[in-house]
Amino acid sequence: MISLPQDPAALALLSDGRPDFEERYWAPRLDFDRADLSEQEYWSRVLGRPITGAELARLVRIDVDSWSLPNEETLKVVAEAAADGHGLALLSNAPICVADGLEDLPFLAAIRPRFFSGRLRMTKPDAAIFRHAATALGVPPGEIVFVDDRLENVASAEAMGMIAIHFRDAATLREDLFAALHT
């Protein structure tokens, strides 16, 4: 949402020519996001062969970079919410290597705190990660507006008592977010 979707050209660089790459990329991703798999274990599963050394470093770099392009329209909405006096936080399913790569991106500077699944060893949509974020923020769940592009994460946040918005595009987010913030 705050990053653009992964570029198909970047995914092609990762695919090793596998026609089933996308399925293989996502099947173990939550385990990788939760730090249950190392970088080497994850990429070896995805590509179906041992991955090490320079090849592993290249795959990790391309993967991290593929999540690092800002969605300028969404970031404008985020900036408007911040200017309106609303606190911001980031709750992201991201393996440790991606979290490390995102940490110093200028477009995330205004969003603090940041909760990355790999560092927490828990992922959305598990209720535990939402509880952790609410506790760390010191805010009751009913006062948190959570935005996500995945319906299962939105449903889980709602089940925790959060106000949850399904992200579809920046224009709709602006309407939904400011309606939720001003009720």
Foldseek 3Di string as FASTA:
>chain_A
DQADAFDPVLQVVLQPPDPCQVVQLPPCLLCQLLVVDDLQRSSCSSRVHGDDDPRSVVNLVSVLVRRAHGPVLQLVLVVVCVVVPDAAAAEESDHPSNCVSNVPRPSCVRHPDYHGNNVVSDHPPDLVSVVVVCVVVVHQQLLAEAEEQDPRNQVSSVVSNHNYDHDDDSVVCSVVVVVVVPD
